[in-house]
Amino acid sequence: MDLQSEHEKYLCQYFDNKPVFVLNYPAQLKAFYMKNNPDGKTVAGFDLLFPEIGELIGGSVRENNYQFLIAKARKIGLDINNLHGTENIRDTAAFPLYPKHLEF
């Protein structure tokens, strides 16, 4: 089970109502595209918890080994046939995503 809001608030209370970083979550609780740590059991991710708020921000290192990423996707039953091999996400956008390139 991933941390719920009451768990996050408790952790901040436990540490004198100060912000808390939570690191290295169990791999089975997080997205398949997060990079595994060397132990193979946790991922290189974090959440920043704030008192009375809970998770304020979170992030992770993304898996960059294509073959390993595909293997992880297949392991969780993701249909990789939906991946089209687009190298640049801008090529799939309906409109330009950068300034001064939209002409009428």
PDB file of N, CA and C in Angstrom:
ATOM      1  N   MET A   1       0.843  -1.173   0.000  1.00  0.00           N
ATOM      2  CA  MET A   1       0.000   0.000   0.000  1.00  0.00           C
ATOM      3  C   MET A   1       0.894   1.243   0.000  1.00  0.00           C
ATOM      4  N   ASP A   2       0.589   2.173  -0.879  1.00  0.00           N
ATOM      5  CA  ASP A   2       1.308   3.442  -0.932  1.00  0.00           C
ATOM      6  C   ASP A   2       0.875   4.317   0.237  1.00  0.00           C
ATOM      7  N   LEU A   3       1.647   5.350   0.531  1.00  0.00           N
ATOM      8  CA  LEU A   3       1.301   6.246   1.632  1.00  0.00           C
ATOM      9  C   LEU A   3      -0.011   6.969   1.347  1.00  0.00           C
ATOM     10  N   GLN A   4      -0.874   6.997   2.326  1.00  0.00           N
ATOM     11  CA  GLN A   4      -2.121   7.757   2.248  1.00  0.00           C
ATOM     12  C   GLN A   4      -1.900   9.103   2.929  1.00  0.00           C
ATOM     13  N   SER A   5      -2.838  10.029   2.754  1.00  0.00           N
ATOM     14  CA  SER A   5      -2.648  11.381   3.297  1.00  0.00           C
ATOM     15  C   SER A   5      -2.468  11.374   4.812  1.00  0.00           C
ATOM     16  N   GLU A   6      -3.174  10.485   5.515  1.00  0.00           N
ATOM     17  CA  GLU A   6      -3.009  10.444   6.974  1.00  0.00           C
ATOM     18  C   GLU A   6      -1.613   9.969   7.373  1.00  0.00           C
ATOM     19  N   HIS A   7      -1.020   9.068   6.572  1.00  0.00           N
ATOM     20  CA  HIS A   7       0.348   8.616   6.834  1.00  0.00           C
ATOM     21  C   HIS A   7       1.340   9.761   6.620  1.00  0.00           C
ATOM     22  N   GLU A   8       1.121  10.503   5.539  1.00  0.00           N
ATOM     23  CA  GLU A   8       2.014  11.619   5.225  1.00  0.00           C
ATOM     24  C   GLU A   8       1.985  12.670   6.337  1.00  0.00           C
ATOM     25  N   LYS A   9       0.793  13.003   6.803  1.00  0.00           N
ATOM     26  CA  LYS A   9       0.661  13.993   7.880  1.00  0.00           C
ATOM     27  C   LYS A   9       1.295  13.483   9.177  1.00  0.00           C
ATOM     28  N   TYR A  10       1.128  12.187   9.451  1.00  0.00           N
ATOM     29  CA  TYR A  10       1.733  11.603  10.651  1.00  0.00           C
ATOM     30  C   TYR A  10       3.257  11.711  10.607  1.00  0.00           C
ATOM     31  N   LEU A  11       3.850  11.422   9.454  1.00  0.00           N
ATOM     32  CA  LEU A  11       5.309  11.511   9.335  1.00  0.00           C
ATOM     33  C   LEU A  11       5.806  12.921   9.640  1.00  0.00           C
ATOM     34  N   CYS A  12       5.107  13.928   9.147  1.00  0.00           N
ATOM     35  CA  CYS A  12       5.501  15.311   9.445  1.00  0.00           C
ATOM     36  C   CYS A  12       5.358  15.607  10.932  1.00  0.00           C
ATOM     37  N   GLN A  13       4.280  15.137  11.544  1.00  0.00           N
ATOM     38  CA  GLN A  13       4.092  15.344  12.982  1.00  0.00           C
ATOM     39  C   GLN A  13       5.209  14.659  13.773  1.00  0.00           C
ATOM     40  N   TYR A  14       5.558  13.445  13.366  1.00  0.00           N
ATOM     41  CA  TYR A  14       6.602  12.678  14.038  1.00  0.00           C
ATOM     42  C   TYR A  14       7.939  13.427  14.017  1.00  0.00           C
ATOM     43  N   PHE A  15       8.193  14.132  12.917  1.00  0.00           N
ATOM     44  CA  PHE A  15       9.441  14.883  12.778  1.00  0.00           C
ATOM     45  C   PHE A  15       9.232  16.370  13.091  1.00  0.00           C
ATOM     46  N   ASP A  16       8.536  16.637  14.210  1.00  0.00           N
ATOM     47  CA  ASP A  16       8.378  17.988  14.759  1.00  0.00           C
ATOM     48  C   ASP A  16       7.717  18.975  13.797  1.00  0.00           C
ATOM     49  N   ASN A  17       6.735  18.496  13.040  1.00  0.00           N
ATOM     50  CA  ASN A  17       5.989  19.358  12.113  1.00  0.00           C
ATOM     51  C   ASN A  17       6.898  20.115  11.149  1.00  0.00           C
ATOM     52  N   LYS A  18       7.862  19.381  10.623  1.00  0.00           N
ATOM     53  CA  LYS A  18       8.777  19.940   9.635  1.00  0.00           C
ATOM     54  C   LYS A  18       8.613  19.173   8.326  1.00  0.00           C
ATOM     55  N   PRO A  19       8.993  19.784   7.203  1.00  0.00           N
ATOM     56  CA  PRO A  19       8.943  19.063   5.926  1.00  0.00           C
ATOM     57  C   PRO A  19       9.820  17.812   5.967  1.00  0.00           C
ATOM     58  N   VAL A  20       9.374  16.782   5.272  1.00  0.00           N
ATOM     59  CA  VAL A  20      10.062  15.485   5.280  1.00  0.00           C
ATOM     60  C   VAL A  20      10.181  14.976   3.844  1.00  0.00           C
ATOM     61  N   PHE A  21      11.364  14.524   3.472  1.00  0.00           N
ATOM     62  CA  PHE A  21      11.548  13.826   2.203  1.00  0.00           C
ATOM     63  C   PHE A  21      11.418  12.332   2.453  1.00  0.00           C
ATOM     64  N   VAL A  22      10.628  11.659   1.645  1.00  0.00           N
ATOM     65  CA  VAL A  22      10.528  10.201   1.671  1.00  0.00           C
ATOM     66  C   VAL A  22      11.190   9.712   0.383  1.00  0.00           C
ATOM     67  N   LEU A  23      12.157   8.810   0.528  1.00  0.00           N
ATOM     68  CA  LEU A  23      12.964   8.353  -0.603  1.00  0.00           C
ATOM     69  C   LEU A  23      12.830   6.854  -0.813  1.00  0.00           C
ATOM     70  N   ASN A  24      13.135   6.417  -2.021  1.00  0.00           N
ATOM     71  CA  ASN A  24      13.324   4.996  -2.333  1.00  0.00           C
ATOM     72  C   ASN A  24      12.117   4.132  -1.992  1.00  0.00           C
ATOM     73  N   TYR A  25      11.015   4.399  -2.650  1.00  0.00           N
ATOM     74  CA  TYR A  25       9.786   3.632  -2.441  1.00  0.00           C
ATOM     75  C   TYR A  25       9.931   2.201  -2.959  1.00  0.00           C
ATOM     76  N   PRO A  26       9.183   1.265  -2.391  1.00  0.00           N
ATOM     77  CA  PRO A  26       9.171  -0.098  -2.934  1.00  0.00           C
ATOM     78  C   PRO A  26       8.738  -0.082  -4.404  1.00  0.00           C
ATOM     79  N   ALA A  27       9.464  -0.794  -5.241  1.00  0.00           N
ATOM     80  CA  ALA A  27       9.216  -0.778  -6.684  1.00  0.00           C
ATOM     81  C   ALA A  27       7.804  -1.217  -7.043  1.00  0.00           C
ATOM     82  N   GLN A  28       7.251  -2.187  -6.321  1.00  0.00           N
ATOM     83  CA  GLN A  28       5.930  -2.701  -6.678  1.00  0.00           C
ATOM     84  C   GLN A  28       4.817  -1.686  -6.433  1.00  0.00           C
ATOM     85  N   LEU A  29       5.114  -0.599  -5.698  1.00  0.00           N
ATOM     86  CA  LEU A  29       4.103   0.425  -5.421  1.00  0.00           C
ATOM     87  C   LEU A  29       4.128   1.572  -6.422  1.00  0.00           C
ATOM     88  N   LYS A  30       5.151   1.639  -7.237  1.00  0.00           N
ATOM     89  CA  LYS A  30       5.325   2.798  -8.106  1.00  0.00           C
ATOM     90  C   LYS A  30       5.235   2.415  -9.577  1.00  0.00           C
ATOM     91  N   ALA A  31       5.206   3.428 -10.422  1.00  0.00           N
ATOM     92  CA  ALA A  31       5.044   3.234 -11.865  1.00  0.00           C
ATOM     93  C   ALA A  31       6.216   2.448 -12.458  1.00  0.00           C
ATOM     94  N   PHE A  32       5.918   1.660 -13.479  1.00  0.00           N
ATOM     95  CA  PHE A  32       6.920   0.783 -14.083  1.00  0.00           C
ATOM     96  C   PHE A  32       8.081   1.553 -14.709  1.00  0.00           C
ATOM     97  N   TYR A  33       7.869   2.797 -15.093  1.00  0.00           N
ATOM     98  CA  TYR A  33       8.911   3.568 -15.776  1.00  0.00           C
ATOM     99  C   TYR A  33       9.905   4.223 -14.818  1.00  0.00           C
ATOM    100  N   MET A  34       9.711   4.050 -13.512  1.00  0.00           N
ATOM    101  CA  MET A  34      10.680   4.578 -12.553  1.00  0.00           C
ATOM    102  C   MET A  34      11.896   3.652 -12.498  1.00  0.00           C
ATOM    103  N   LYS A  35      13.065   4.246 -12.429  1.00  0.00           N
ATOM    104  CA  LYS A  35      14.311   3.470 -12.450  1.00  0.00           C
ATOM    105  C   LYS A  35      14.523   2.743 -11.128  1.00  0.00           C
ATOM    106  N   ASN A  36      14.831   1.460 -11.229  1.00  0.00           N
ATOM    107  CA  ASN A  36      15.116   0.667 -10.034  1.00  0.00           C
ATOM    108  C   ASN A  36      16.446   1.089  -9.421  1.00  0.00           C
ATOM    109  N   ASN A  37      16.512   1.056  -8.094  1.00  0.00           N
ATOM    110  CA  ASN A  37      17.774   1.233  -7.388  1.00  0.00           C
ATOM    111  C   ASN A  37      18.589  -0.049  -7.524  1.00  0.00           C
ATOM    112  N   PRO A  38      19.881  -0.009  -7.205  1.00  0.00           N
ATOM    113  CA  PRO A  38      20.719  -1.206  -7.314  1.00  0.00           C
ATOM    114  C   PRO A  38      20.204  -2.411  -6.528  1.00  0.00           C
ATOM    115  N   ASP A  39      19.432  -2.189  -5.459  1.00  0.00           N
ATOM    116  CA  ASP A  39      18.918  -3.326  -4.688  1.00  0.00           C
ATOM    117  C   ASP A  39      17.820  -4.092  -5.420  1.00  0.00           C
ATOM    118  N   GLY A  40      17.272  -3.514  -6.504  1.00  0.00           N
ATOM    119  CA  GLY A  40      16.232  -4.179  -7.280  1.00  0.00           C
ATOM    120  C   GLY A  40      14.867  -4.198  -6.621  1.00  0.00           C
ATOM    121  N   LYS A  41      14.772  -3.702  -5.405  1.00  0.00           N
ATOM    122  CA  LYS A  41      13.506  -3.738  -4.662  1.00  0.00           C
ATOM    123  C   LYS A  41      12.850  -2.368  -4.537  1.00  0.00           C
ATOM    124  N   THR A  42      13.638  -1.317  -4.702  1.00  0.00           N
ATOM    125  CA  THR A  42      13.123   0.041  -4.549  1.00  0.00           C
ATOM    126  C   THR A  42      13.416   0.846  -5.809  1.00  0.00           C
ATOM    127  N   VAL A  43      12.727   1.984  -5.937  1.00  0.00           N
ATOM    128  CA  VAL A  43      12.947   2.863  -7.080  1.00  0.00           C
ATOM    129  C   VAL A  43      13.550   4.182  -6.622  1.00  0.00           C
ATOM    130  N   ALA A  44      14.219   4.852  -7.552  1.00  0.00           N
ATOM    131  CA  ALA A  44      14.854   6.143  -7.280  1.00  0.00           C
ATOM    132  C   ALA A  44      13.804   7.241  -7.393  1.00  0.00           C
ATOM    133  N   GLY A  45      12.997   7.345  -6.365  1.00  0.00           N
ATOM    134  CA  GLY A  45      11.934   8.342  -6.348  1.00  0.00           C
ATOM    135  C   GLY A  45      11.845   9.015  -4.999  1.00  0.00           C
ATOM    136  N   PHE A  46      11.094  10.113  -4.953  1.00  0.00           N
ATOM    137  CA  PHE A  46      10.936  10.842  -3.699  1.00  0.00           C
ATOM    138  C   PHE A  46       9.586  11.539  -3.661  1.00  0.00           C
ATOM    139  N   ASP A  47       9.148  11.849  -2.468  1.00  0.00           N
ATOM    140  CA  ASP A  47       8.029  12.753  -2.214  1.00  0.00           C
ATOM    141  C   ASP A  47       8.487  13.736  -1.154  1.00  0.00           C
ATOM    142  N   LEU A  48       8.076  14.989  -1.288  1.00  0.00           N
ATOM    143  CA  LEU A  48       8.314  15.993  -0.258  1.00  0.00           C
ATOM    144  C   LEU A  48       6.989  16.221   0.450  1.00  0.00           C
ATOM    145  N   LEU A  49       6.962  15.909   1.744  1.00  0.00           N
ATOM    146  CA  LEU A  49       5.752  16.033   2.552  1.00  0.00           C
ATOM    147  C   LEU A  49       5.832  17.298   3.391  1.00  0.00           C
ATOM    148  N   PHE A  50       4.712  18.023   3.459  1.00  0.00           N
ATOM    149  CA  PHE A  50       4.640  19.238   4.271  1.00  0.00           C
ATOM    150  C   PHE A  50       3.601  19.059   5.356  1.00  0.00           C
ATOM    151  N   PRO A  51       3.877  19.603   6.552  1.00  0.00           N
ATOM    152  CA  PRO A  51       2.907  19.517   7.647  1.00  0.00           C
ATOM    153  C   PRO A  51       1.555  20.095   7.230  1.00  0.00           C
ATOM    154  N   GLU A  52       0.490  19.440   7.660  1.00  0.00           N
ATOM    155  CA  GLU A  52      -0.892  19.852   7.400  1.00  0.00           C
ATOM    156  C   GLU A  52      -1.297  19.779   5.933  1.00  0.00           C
ATOM    157  N   ILE A  53      -0.377  19.427   5.056  1.00  0.00           N
ATOM    158  CA  ILE A  53      -0.683  19.352   3.628  1.00  0.00           C
ATOM    159  C   ILE A  53      -0.540  17.927   3.122  1.00  0.00           C
ATOM    160  N   GLY A  54       0.574  17.308   3.451  1.00  0.00           N
ATOM    161  CA  GLY A  54       0.895  15.997   2.897  1.00  0.00           C
ATOM    162  C   GLY A  54       1.872  16.180   1.747  1.00  0.00           C
ATOM    163  N   GLU A  55       1.706  15.374   0.692  1.00  0.00           N
ATOM    164  CA  GLU A  55       2.639  15.433  -0.430  1.00  0.00           C
ATOM    165  C   GLU A  55       2.507  16.760  -1.163  1.00  0.00           C
ATOM    166  N   LEU A  56       3.624  17.460  -1.253  1.00  0.00           N
ATOM    167  CA  LEU A  56       3.647  18.728  -1.973  1.00  0.00           C
ATOM    168  C   LEU A  56       4.180  18.529  -3.387  1.00  0.00           C
ATOM    169  N   ILE A  57       5.277  17.787  -3.505  1.00  0.00           N
ATOM    170  CA  ILE A  57       5.835  17.449  -4.809  1.00  0.00           C
ATOM    171  C   ILE A  57       6.404  16.037  -4.746  1.00  0.00           C
ATOM    172  N   GLY A  58       6.583  15.454  -5.890  1.00  0.00           N
ATOM    173  CA  GLY A  58       7.204  14.143  -5.980  1.00  0.00           C
ATOM    174  C   GLY A  58       7.944  14.032  -7.295  1.00  0.00           C
ATOM    175  N   GLY A  59       8.856  13.109  -7.358  1.00  0.00           N
ATOM    176  CA  GLY A  59       9.603  12.926  -8.588  1.00  0.00           C
ATOM    177  C   GLY A  59      10.362  11.618  -8.570  1.00  0.00           C
ATOM    178  N   SER A  60      10.939  11.297  -9.711  1.00  0.00           N
ATOM    179  CA  SER A  60      11.722  10.071  -9.792  1.00  0.00           C
ATOM    180  C   SER A  60      12.664  10.141 -10.975  1.00  0.00           C
ATOM    181  N   VAL A  61      13.653   9.272 -10.946  1.00  0.00           N
ATOM    182  CA  VAL A  61      14.505   9.048 -12.099  1.00  0.00           C
ATOM    183  C   VAL A  61      13.746   8.082 -13.000  1.00  0.00           C
ATOM    184  N   ARG A  62      13.699   8.362 -14.288  1.00  0.00           N
ATOM    185  CA  ARG A  62      12.987   7.507 -15.236  1.00  0.00           C
ATOM    186  C   ARG A  62      13.937   6.459 -15.815  1.00  0.00           C
ATOM    187  N   GLU A  63      13.390   5.284 -16.062  1.00  0.00           N
ATOM    188  CA  GLU A  63      14.174   4.202 -16.663  1.00  0.00           C
ATOM    189  C   GLU A  63      14.595   4.625 -18.065  1.00  0.00           C
ATOM    190  N   ASN A  64      15.880   4.498 -18.387  1.00  0.00           N
ATOM    191  CA  ASN A  64      16.356   4.901 -19.706  1.00  0.00           C
ATOM    192  C   ASN A  64      16.869   3.738 -20.550  1.00  0.00           C
ATOM    193  N   ASN A  65      16.794   2.532 -20.035  1.00  0.00           N
ATOM    194  CA  ASN A  65      17.176   1.348 -20.801  1.00  0.00           C
ATOM    195  C   ASN A  65      15.927   0.821 -21.502  1.00  0.00           C
ATOM    196  N   TYR A  66      15.879   0.989 -22.819  1.00  0.00           N
ATOM    197  CA  TYR A  66      14.687   0.644 -23.590  1.00  0.00           C
ATOM    198  C   TYR A  66      14.258  -0.810 -23.381  1.00  0.00           C
ATOM    199  N   GLN A  67      15.189  -1.739 -23.492  1.00  0.00           N
ATOM    200  CA  GLN A  67      14.839  -3.157 -23.370  1.00  0.00           C
ATOM    201  C   GLN A  67      14.301  -3.481 -21.976  1.00  0.00           C
ATOM    202  N   PHE A  68      14.919  -2.911 -20.953  1.00  0.00           N
ATOM    203  CA  PHE A  68      14.458  -3.140 -19.585  1.00  0.00           C
ATOM    204  C   PHE A  68      13.073  -2.533 -19.379  1.00  0.00           C
ATOM    205  N   LEU A  69      12.853  -1.340 -19.953  1.00  0.00           N
ATOM    206  CA  LEU A  69      11.562  -0.668 -19.844  1.00  0.00           C
ATOM    207  C   LEU A  69      10.459  -1.497 -20.503  1.00  0.00           C
ATOM    208  N   ILE A  70      10.727  -2.021 -21.688  1.00  0.00           N
ATOM    209  CA  ILE A  70       9.742  -2.863 -22.379  1.00  0.00           C
ATOM    210  C   ILE A  70       9.471  -4.128 -21.573  1.00  0.00           C
ATOM    211  N   ALA A  71      10.513  -4.726 -21.012  1.00  0.00           N
ATOM    212  CA  ALA A  71      10.329  -5.934 -20.192  1.00  0.00           C
ATOM    213  C   ALA A  71       9.462  -5.635 -18.972  1.00  0.00           C
ATOM    214  N   LYS A  72       9.694  -4.494 -18.325  1.00  0.00           N
ATOM    215  CA  LYS A  72       8.880  -4.113 -17.166  1.00  0.00           C
ATOM    216  C   LYS A  72       7.431  -3.870 -17.583  1.00  0.00           C
ATOM    217  N   ALA A  73       7.234  -3.229 -18.729  1.00  0.00           N
ATOM    218  CA  ALA A  73       5.877  -2.966 -19.219  1.00  0.00           C
ATOM    219  C   ALA A  73       5.143  -4.277 -19.484  1.00  0.00           C
ATOM    220  N   ARG A  74       5.813  -5.210 -20.133  1.00  0.00           N
ATOM    221  CA  ARG A  74       5.183  -6.515 -20.417  1.00  0.00           C
ATOM    222  C   ARG A  74       4.865  -7.267 -19.126  1.00  0.00           C
ATOM    223  N   LYS A  75       5.753  -7.161 -18.152  1.00  0.00           N
ATOM    224  CA  LYS A  75       5.567  -7.873 -16.884  1.00  0.00           C
ATOM    225  C   LYS A  75       4.280  -7.450 -16.179  1.00  0.00           C
ATOM    226  N   ILE A  76       3.916  -6.169 -16.316  1.00  0.00           N
ATOM    227  CA  ILE A  76       2.685  -5.704 -15.669  1.00  0.00           C
ATOM    228  C   ILE A  76       1.477  -5.778 -16.598  1.00  0.00           C
ATOM    229  N   GLY A  77       1.668  -6.330 -17.798  1.00  0.00           N
ATOM    230  CA  GLY A  77       0.548  -6.518 -18.711  1.00  0.00           C
ATOM    231  C   GLY A  77       0.212  -5.322 -19.580  1.00  0.00           C
ATOM    232  N   LEU A  78       1.130  -4.375 -19.720  1.00  0.00           N
ATOM    233  CA  LEU A  78       0.896  -3.210 -20.566  1.00  0.00           C
ATOM    234  C   LEU A  78       1.029  -3.618 -22.021  1.00  0.00           C
ATOM    235  N   ASP A  79       0.066  -3.235 -22.837  1.00  0.00           N
ATOM    236  CA  ASP A  79       0.090  -3.554 -24.261  1.00  0.00           C
ATOM    237  C   ASP A  79       1.052  -2.610 -24.963  1.00  0.00           C
ATOM    238  N   ILE A  80       2.238  -3.098 -25.268  1.00  0.00           N
ATOM    239  CA  ILE A  80       3.246  -2.228 -25.870  1.00  0.00           C
ATOM    240  C   ILE A  80       2.976  -1.971 -27.345  1.00  0.00           C
ATOM    241  N   ASN A  81       1.970  -2.599 -27.927  1.00  0.00           N
ATOM    242  CA  ASN A  81       1.608  -2.303 -29.309  1.00  0.00           C
ATOM    243  C   ASN A  81       1.092  -0.879 -29.460  1.00  0.00           C
ATOM    244  N   ASN A  82       0.706  -0.255 -28.341  1.00  0.00           N
ATOM    245  CA  ASN A  82       0.236   1.129 -28.393  1.00  0.00           C
ATOM    246  C   ASN A  82       1.377   2.136 -28.465  1.00  0.00           C
ATOM    247  N   LEU A  83       2.603   1.674 -28.325  1.00  0.00           N
ATOM    248  CA  LEU A  83       3.755   2.562 -28.426  1.00  0.00           C
ATOM    249  C   LEU A  83       4.126   2.689 -29.899  1.00  0.00           C
ATOM    250  N   HIS A  84       4.208   3.900 -30.383  1.00  0.00           N
ATOM    251  CA  HIS A  84       4.383   4.116 -31.818  1.00  0.00           C
ATOM    252  C   HIS A  84       5.786   4.523 -32.232  1.00  0.00           C
ATOM    253  N   GLY A  85       6.692   4.620 -31.297  1.00  0.00           N
ATOM    254  CA  GLY A  85       8.061   4.947 -31.650  1.00  0.00           C
ATOM    255  C   GLY A  85       8.305   6.408 -31.982  1.00  0.00           C
ATOM    256  N   THR A  86       7.419   7.282 -31.558  1.00  0.00           N
ATOM    257  CA  THR A  86       7.619   8.704 -31.802  1.00  0.00           C
ATOM    258  C   THR A  86       8.786   9.195 -30.957  1.00  0.00           C
ATOM    259  N   GLU A  87       9.771   9.791 -31.601  1.00  0.00           N
ATOM    260  CA  GLU A  87      10.956  10.239 -30.880  1.00  0.00           C
ATOM    261  C   GLU A  87      10.757  11.580 -30.190  1.00  0.00           C
ATOM    262  N   ASN A  88       9.865  12.409 -30.722  1.00  0.00           N
ATOM    263  CA  ASN A  88       9.651  13.735 -30.155  1.00  0.00           C
ATOM    264  C   ASN A  88       8.159  13.930 -29.946  1.00  0.00           C
ATOM    265  N   ILE A  89       7.740  14.154 -28.704  1.00  0.00           N
ATOM    266  CA  ILE A  89       6.319  14.297 -28.393  1.00  0.00           C
ATOM    267  C   ILE A  89       5.697  15.465 -29.144  1.00  0.00           C
ATOM    268  N   ARG A  90       6.501  16.458 -29.506  1.00  0.00           N
ATOM    269  CA  ARG A  90       5.968  17.598 -30.263  1.00  0.00           C
ATOM    270  C   ARG A  90       5.422  17.161 -31.620  1.00  0.00           C
ATOM    271  N   ASP A  91       5.940  16.056 -32.159  1.00  0.00           N
ATOM    272  CA  ASP A  91       5.445  15.561 -33.444  1.00  0.00           C
ATOM    273  C   ASP A  91       4.015  15.052 -33.359  1.00  0.00           C
ATOM    274  N   THR A  92       3.521  14.803 -32.163  1.00  0.00           N
ATOM    275  CA  THR A  92       2.164  14.280 -32.003  1.00  0.00           C
ATOM    276  C   THR A  92       1.174  15.345 -31.556  1.00  0.00           C
ATOM    277  N   ALA A  93       1.653  16.553 -31.279  1.00  0.00           N
ATOM    278  CA  ALA A  93       0.784  17.621 -30.780  1.00  0.00           C
ATOM    279  C   ALA A  93      -0.053  18.204 -31.910  1.00  0.00           C
ATOM    280  N   ALA A  94      -1.256  18.623 -31.565  1.00  0.00           N
ATOM    281  CA  ALA A  94      -2.153  19.229 -32.547  1.00  0.00           C
ATOM    282  C   ALA A  94      -1.750  20.664 -32.866  1.00  0.00           C
ATOM    283  N   PHE A  95      -0.923  21.255 -32.034  1.00  0.00           N
ATOM    284  CA  PHE A  95      -0.470  22.635 -32.237  1.00  0.00           C
ATOM    285  C   PHE A  95       0.927  22.779 -31.643  1.00  0.00           C
ATOM    286  N   PRO A  96       1.692  23.770 -32.085  1.00  0.00           N
ATOM    287  CA  PRO A  96       3.050  23.957 -31.551  1.00  0.00           C
ATOM    288  C   PRO A  96       3.042  24.254 -30.059  1.00  0.00           C
ATOM    289  N   LEU A  97       3.996  23.710 -29.361  1.00  0.00           N
ATOM    290  CA  LEU A  97       4.083  23.895 -27.920  1.00  0.00           C
ATOM    291  C   LEU A  97       5.218  24.832 -27.528  1.00  0.00           C
ATOM    292  N   TYR A  98       5.688  25.613 -28.455  1.00  0.00           N
ATOM    293  CA  TYR A  98       6.777  26.523 -28.159  1.00  0.00           C
ATOM    294  C   TYR A  98       6.442  27.895 -28.737  1.00  0.00           C
ATOM    295  N   PRO A  99       6.935  28.965 -28.108  1.00  0.00           N
ATOM    296  CA  PRO A  99       6.543  30.321 -28.484  1.00  0.00           C
ATOM    297  C   PRO A  99       6.940  30.707 -29.901  1.00  0.00           C
ATOM    298  N   LYS A 100       6.176  31.613 -30.469  1.00  0.00           N
ATOM    299  CA  LYS A 100       6.449  32.254 -31.764  1.00  0.00           C
ATOM    300  C   LYS A 100       6.436  31.284 -32.939  1.00  0.00           C
ATOM    301  N   HIS A 101       5.777  30.152 -32.813  1.00  0.00           N
ATOM    302  CA  HIS A 101       5.706  29.217 -33.924  1.00  0.00           C
ATOM    303  C   HIS A 101       4.270  28.928 -34.354  1.00  0.00           C
ATOM    304  N   LEU A 102       3.337  29.670 -33.824  1.00  0.00           N
ATOM    305  CA  LEU A 102       1.941  29.501 -34.204  1.00  0.00           C
ATOM    306  C   LEU A 102       1.568  30.655 -35.117  1.00  0.00           C
ATOM    307  N   GLU A 103       1.291  30.344 -36.360  1.00  0.00           N
ATOM    308  CA  GLU A 103       0.956  31.385 -37.331  1.00  0.00           C
ATOM    309  C   GLU A 103      -0.486  31.221 -37.766  1.00  0.00           C
ATOM    310  N   PHE A 104      -1.164  32.361 -37.942  1.00  0.00           N
ATOM    311  CA  PHE A 104      -2.559  32.346 -38.409  1.00  0.00           C
ATOM    312  C   PHE A 104      -2.635  32.830 -39.829  1.00  0.00           C
TER     313      PHE A 104
END
